[in-house]
Amino acid sequence: MIWEALGAVLIGFAIALSARRWLPERFPDATLTLATGPVAALLGALLTRSILGPGYPLQVMIAALAVGAALLSVLVRPPRRHPRRPAAPIKRHRPAC
């Protein structure tokens, strides 16, 4: 059980580090990101272990990965959009009467 918990924490930390590295502008708070990953993975592992029971270490690690990624996705902020400048007015030539 202790190895599954330690493995889940390491998986969660790896997910958080990779998310922070690949999308730093979408995860602006590094402390929150690096704390959420391991805690979420540990929660997923413990929940799966309590449902399945002992003897399913691969399924527990897969669930830790899935729950860790799902809860980290809650922290993702939408990308910044640059404000649009108004278009230049169209100059129309009026025919001389």
N, C-alpha and C. Protein backbone atom coordinates (compact mmCIF):
# COMPACT_ATOMS: atom_id res chain seq x y z
N MET A 1 0.83 -1.20 0.00
CA MET A 1 0.00 0.00 0.00
C MET A 1 0.87 1.26 0.00
N ILE A 2 1.96 1.23 0.76
CA ILE A 2 2.82 2.41 0.83
C ILE A 2 3.48 2.67 -0.51
N TRP A 3 3.80 1.59 -1.25
CA TRP A 3 4.43 1.78 -2.56
C TRP A 3 3.44 2.35 -3.57
N GLU A 4 2.20 1.94 -3.47
CA GLU A 4 1.18 2.50 -4.35
C GLU A 4 0.97 3.99 -4.07
N ALA A 5 0.95 4.35 -2.80
CA ALA A 5 0.77 5.76 -2.44
C ALA A 5 1.97 6.59 -2.90
N LEU A 6 3.17 6.07 -2.69
CA LEU A 6 4.37 6.78 -3.13
C LEU A 6 4.41 6.89 -4.66
N GLY A 7 4.03 5.83 -5.34
CA GLY A 7 3.97 5.86 -6.80
C GLY A 7 2.95 6.86 -7.31
N ALA A 8 1.82 6.94 -6.64
CA ALA A 8 0.78 7.89 -7.04
C ALA A 8 1.25 9.33 -6.85
N VAL A 9 1.93 9.59 -5.75
CA VAL A 9 2.45 10.94 -5.52
C VAL A 9 3.49 11.31 -6.58
N LEU A 10 4.36 10.37 -6.92
CA LEU A 10 5.36 10.63 -7.97
C LEU A 10 4.70 10.85 -9.34
N ILE A 11 3.67 10.07 -9.64
CA ILE A 11 2.94 10.26 -10.90
C ILE A 11 2.29 11.65 -10.92
N GLY A 12 1.67 12.03 -9.83
CA GLY A 12 1.03 13.34 -9.77
C GLY A 12 2.02 14.48 -9.89
N PHE A 13 3.19 14.32 -9.27
CA PHE A 13 4.22 15.35 -9.37
C PHE A 13 4.76 15.43 -10.80
N ALA A 14 4.91 14.29 -11.46
CA ALA A 14 5.37 14.29 -12.85
C ALA A 14 4.34 14.95 -13.77
N ILE A 15 3.07 14.70 -13.53
CA ILE A 15 2.01 15.34 -14.32
C ILE A 15 2.04 16.85 -14.11
N ALA A 16 2.17 17.27 -12.88
CA ALA A 16 2.18 18.71 -12.57
C ALA A 16 3.40 19.40 -13.18
N LEU A 17 4.55 18.76 -13.08
CA LEU A 17 5.76 19.35 -13.68
C LEU A 17 5.65 19.47 -15.19
N SER A 18 5.13 18.43 -15.82
CA SER A 18 5.00 18.48 -17.28
C SER A 18 3.95 19.50 -17.71
N ALA A 19 2.88 19.62 -16.97
CA ALA A 19 1.86 20.62 -17.29
C ALA A 19 2.43 22.03 -17.14
N ARG A 20 3.18 22.23 -16.10
CA ARG A 20 3.79 23.54 -15.85
C ARG A 20 4.84 23.87 -16.90
N ARG A 21 5.54 22.84 -17.38
CA ARG A 21 6.59 23.07 -18.38
C ARG A 21 6.02 23.32 -19.77
N TRP A 22 5.00 22.54 -20.16
CA TRP A 22 4.44 22.67 -21.51
C TRP A 22 3.54 23.88 -21.66
N LEU A 23 2.81 24.23 -20.62
CA LEU A 23 1.86 25.34 -20.71
C LEU A 23 2.04 26.31 -19.54
N PRO A 24 3.16 27.02 -19.46
CA PRO A 24 3.37 27.90 -18.30
C PRO A 24 2.41 29.07 -18.25
N GLU A 25 1.94 29.54 -19.40
CA GLU A 25 1.01 30.68 -19.39
C GLU A 25 -0.39 30.25 -18.99
N ARG A 26 -0.71 28.97 -19.11
CA ARG A 26 -2.03 28.48 -18.74
C ARG A 26 -2.10 28.04 -17.27
N PHE A 27 -0.94 27.81 -16.65
CA PHE A 27 -0.84 27.47 -15.23
C PHE A 27 0.01 28.53 -14.55
N PRO A 28 -0.53 29.71 -14.27
CA PRO A 28 0.30 30.80 -13.77
C PRO A 28 0.81 30.62 -12.34
N ASP A 29 0.08 29.91 -11.49
CA ASP A 29 0.51 29.74 -10.11
C ASP A 29 1.21 28.39 -9.96
N ALA A 30 2.54 28.43 -9.91
CA ALA A 30 3.33 27.20 -9.86
C ALA A 30 3.10 26.42 -8.57
N THR A 31 2.96 27.10 -7.46
CA THR A 31 2.77 26.42 -6.18
C THR A 31 1.47 25.63 -6.17
N LEU A 32 0.41 26.23 -6.65
CA LEU A 32 -0.88 25.55 -6.68
C LEU A 32 -0.84 24.36 -7.63
N THR A 33 -0.21 24.52 -8.77
CA THR A 33 -0.12 23.44 -9.74
C THR A 33 0.69 22.27 -9.18
N LEU A 34 1.85 22.58 -8.60
CA LEU A 34 2.72 21.51 -8.09
C LEU A 34 2.17 20.86 -6.82
N ALA A 35 1.24 21.50 -6.16
CA ALA A 35 0.61 20.88 -5.00
C ALA A 35 -0.63 20.07 -5.38
N THR A 36 -1.34 20.52 -6.40
CA THR A 36 -2.57 19.85 -6.79
C THR A 36 -2.30 18.50 -7.45
N GLY A 37 -1.27 18.42 -8.26
CA GLY A 37 -0.97 17.17 -8.97
C GLY A 37 -0.78 15.97 -8.05
N PRO A 38 0.16 16.03 -7.11
CA PRO A 38 0.35 14.87 -6.22
C PRO A 38 -0.85 14.57 -5.32
N VAL A 39 -1.51 15.61 -4.83
CA VAL A 39 -2.67 15.38 -3.95
C VAL A 39 -3.81 14.73 -4.74
N ALA A 40 -4.03 15.19 -5.95
CA ALA A 40 -5.11 14.62 -6.77
C ALA A 40 -4.80 13.17 -7.16
N ALA A 41 -3.56 12.89 -7.50
CA ALA A 41 -3.19 11.53 -7.86
C ALA A 41 -3.29 10.60 -6.65
N LEU A 42 -2.89 11.08 -5.49
CA LEU A 42 -3.01 10.28 -4.28
C LEU A 42 -4.48 10.01 -3.95
N LEU A 43 -5.32 11.00 -4.12
CA LEU A 43 -6.75 10.82 -3.90
C LEU A 43 -7.32 9.77 -4.86
N GLY A 44 -6.93 9.85 -6.13
CA GLY A 44 -7.40 8.86 -7.09
C GLY A 44 -6.93 7.46 -6.77
N ALA A 45 -5.68 7.35 -6.32
CA ALA A 45 -5.14 6.03 -5.98
C ALA A 45 -5.84 5.45 -4.75
N LEU A 46 -6.03 6.27 -3.74
CA LEU A 46 -6.67 5.77 -2.52
C LEU A 46 -8.14 5.41 -2.76
N LEU A 47 -8.80 6.19 -3.58
CA LEU A 47 -10.20 5.89 -3.90
C LEU A 47 -10.30 4.58 -4.68
N THR A 48 -9.42 4.40 -5.65
CA THR A 48 -9.44 3.18 -6.45
C THR A 48 -9.08 1.97 -5.61
N ARG A 49 -8.11 2.14 -4.74
CA ARG A 49 -7.70 1.03 -3.86
C ARG A 49 -8.83 0.63 -2.93
N SER A 50 -9.57 1.62 -2.44
CA SER A 50 -10.67 1.29 -1.54
C SER A 50 -11.83 0.61 -2.28
N ILE A 51 -11.98 0.89 -3.56
CA ILE A 51 -13.04 0.25 -4.34
C ILE A 51 -12.64 -1.15 -4.78
N LEU A 52 -11.43 -1.28 -5.35
CA LEU A 52 -11.00 -2.56 -5.90
C LEU A 52 -10.42 -3.51 -4.86
N GLY A 53 -9.80 -2.95 -3.84
CA GLY A 53 -9.14 -3.78 -2.85
C GLY A 53 -7.69 -4.02 -3.25
N PRO A 54 -6.96 -4.81 -2.46
CA PRO A 54 -5.55 -5.07 -2.77
C PRO A 54 -5.42 -6.01 -3.97
N GLY A 55 -4.26 -5.92 -4.62
CA GLY A 55 -3.99 -6.82 -5.73
C GLY A 55 -4.18 -6.22 -7.11
N TYR A 56 -4.42 -4.94 -7.21
CA TYR A 56 -4.62 -4.29 -8.50
C TYR A 56 -3.71 -3.05 -8.62
N PRO A 57 -2.41 -3.22 -8.56
CA PRO A 57 -1.53 -2.04 -8.56
C PRO A 57 -1.54 -1.28 -9.89
N LEU A 58 -1.66 -1.96 -10.99
CA LEU A 58 -1.67 -1.28 -12.29
C LEU A 58 -2.92 -0.41 -12.44
N GLN A 59 -4.06 -0.94 -12.05
CA GLN A 59 -5.30 -0.18 -12.13
C GLN A 59 -5.28 1.01 -11.19
N VAL A 60 -4.65 0.86 -10.04
CA VAL A 60 -4.55 1.97 -9.08
C VAL A 60 -3.70 3.09 -9.66
N MET A 61 -2.59 2.73 -10.33
CA MET A 61 -1.72 3.76 -10.92
C MET A 61 -2.39 4.45 -12.11
N ILE A 62 -3.14 3.69 -12.88
CA ILE A 62 -3.88 4.30 -14.01
C ILE A 62 -4.93 5.27 -13.48
N ALA A 63 -5.61 4.89 -12.41
CA ALA A 63 -6.60 5.79 -11.83
C ALA A 63 -5.94 7.02 -11.23
N ALA A 64 -4.76 6.85 -10.64
CA ALA A 64 -4.03 8.00 -10.09
C ALA A 64 -3.67 8.96 -11.21
N LEU A 65 -3.23 8.44 -12.32
CA LEU A 65 -2.90 9.27 -13.48
C LEU A 65 -4.14 10.01 -14.00
N ALA A 66 -5.23 9.29 -14.11
CA ALA A 66 -6.46 9.90 -14.66
C ALA A 66 -7.02 10.98 -13.74
N VAL A 67 -7.10 10.71 -12.46
CA VAL A 67 -7.65 11.68 -11.53
C VAL A 67 -6.73 12.88 -11.38
N GLY A 68 -5.42 12.63 -11.37
CA GLY A 68 -4.46 13.73 -11.31
C GLY A 68 -4.57 14.65 -12.50
N ALA A 69 -4.67 14.07 -13.69
CA ALA A 69 -4.81 14.89 -14.89
C ALA A 69 -6.16 15.62 -14.92
N ALA A 70 -7.20 14.95 -14.48
CA ALA A 70 -8.53 15.59 -14.49
C ALA A 70 -8.59 16.78 -13.53
N LEU A 71 -8.03 16.63 -12.34
CA LEU A 71 -8.09 17.74 -11.40
C LEU A 71 -7.11 18.85 -11.76
N LEU A 72 -6.02 18.53 -12.43
CA LEU A 72 -5.14 19.59 -12.92
C LEU A 72 -5.80 20.37 -14.05
N SER A 73 -6.65 19.71 -14.82
CA SER A 73 -7.31 20.42 -15.91
C SER A 73 -8.28 21.48 -15.40
N VAL A 74 -8.69 21.37 -14.15
CA VAL A 74 -9.57 22.39 -13.56
C VAL A 74 -8.81 23.71 -13.38
N LEU A 75 -7.50 23.63 -13.20
CA LEU A 75 -6.70 24.83 -12.96
C LEU A 75 -6.34 25.58 -14.24
N VAL A 76 -6.56 24.99 -15.39
CA VAL A 76 -6.16 25.61 -16.66
C VAL A 76 -6.95 26.88 -16.89
N ARG A 77 -6.23 27.94 -17.20
CA ARG A 77 -6.89 29.21 -17.54
C ARG A 77 -6.98 29.33 -19.05
N PRO A 78 -8.00 30.00 -19.53
CA PRO A 78 -8.12 30.16 -20.99
C PRO A 78 -6.98 31.03 -21.51
N PRO A 79 -6.61 30.83 -22.77
CA PRO A 79 -5.51 31.64 -23.32
C PRO A 79 -5.92 33.10 -23.43
N ARG A 80 -4.92 33.96 -23.32
CA ARG A 80 -5.19 35.39 -23.45
C ARG A 80 -5.44 35.73 -24.91
N ARG A 81 -6.42 36.56 -25.10
CA ARG A 81 -6.70 37.04 -26.46
C ARG A 81 -6.26 38.48 -26.53
N HIS A 82 -5.60 38.81 -27.59
CA HIS A 82 -5.17 40.18 -27.78
C HIS A 82 -6.36 41.02 -28.20
N PRO A 83 -6.49 42.21 -27.65
CA PRO A 83 -7.63 43.04 -28.04
C PRO A 83 -7.52 43.43 -29.51
N ARG A 84 -8.64 43.42 -30.16
CA ARG A 84 -8.65 43.76 -31.58
C ARG A 84 -8.70 45.26 -31.75
N ARG A 85 -7.89 45.72 -32.64
CA ARG A 85 -7.94 47.14 -32.97
C ARG A 85 -9.07 47.38 -33.94
N PRO A 86 -9.73 48.51 -33.82
CA PRO A 86 -10.82 48.76 -34.77
C PRO A 86 -10.24 48.92 -36.18
N ALA A 87 -11.01 48.49 -37.12
CA ALA A 87 -10.57 48.58 -38.51
C ALA A 87 -10.52 50.04 -38.95
N ALA A 88 -9.62 50.32 -39.84
CA ALA A 88 -9.51 51.69 -40.37
C ALA A 88 -10.78 52.00 -41.16
N PRO A 89 -11.26 53.23 -41.07
CA PRO A 89 -12.48 53.57 -41.81
C PRO A 89 -12.24 53.47 -43.31
N ILE A 90 -13.25 53.03 -43.99
CA ILE A 90 -13.17 52.89 -45.44
C ILE A 90 -13.42 54.26 -46.08
N LYS A 91 -12.49 54.66 -46.91
CA LYS A 91 -12.66 55.95 -47.61
C LYS A 91 -13.29 55.66 -48.96
N ARG A 92 -14.41 56.28 -49.17
CA ARG A 92 -15.11 56.09 -50.43
C ARG A 92 -14.97 57.35 -51.26
N HIS A 93 -14.72 57.14 -52.48
CA HIS A 93 -14.63 58.28 -53.40
C HIS A 93 -16.01 58.60 -53.91
N ARG A 94 -16.37 59.86 -53.75
CA ARG A 94 -17.66 60.29 -54.26
C ARG A 94 -17.44 60.89 -55.65
N PRO A 95 -18.28 60.51 -56.54
CA PRO A 95 -18.12 61.08 -57.89
C PRO A 95 -18.48 62.57 -57.88
N ALA A 96 -17.75 63.33 -58.64
CA ALA A 96 -18.01 64.77 -58.72
C ALA A 96 -19.26 64.98 -59.58
N CYS A 97 -20.13 65.78 -59.11
CA CYS A 97 -21.37 66.06 -59.86
C CYS A 97 -21.23 67.25 -60.72
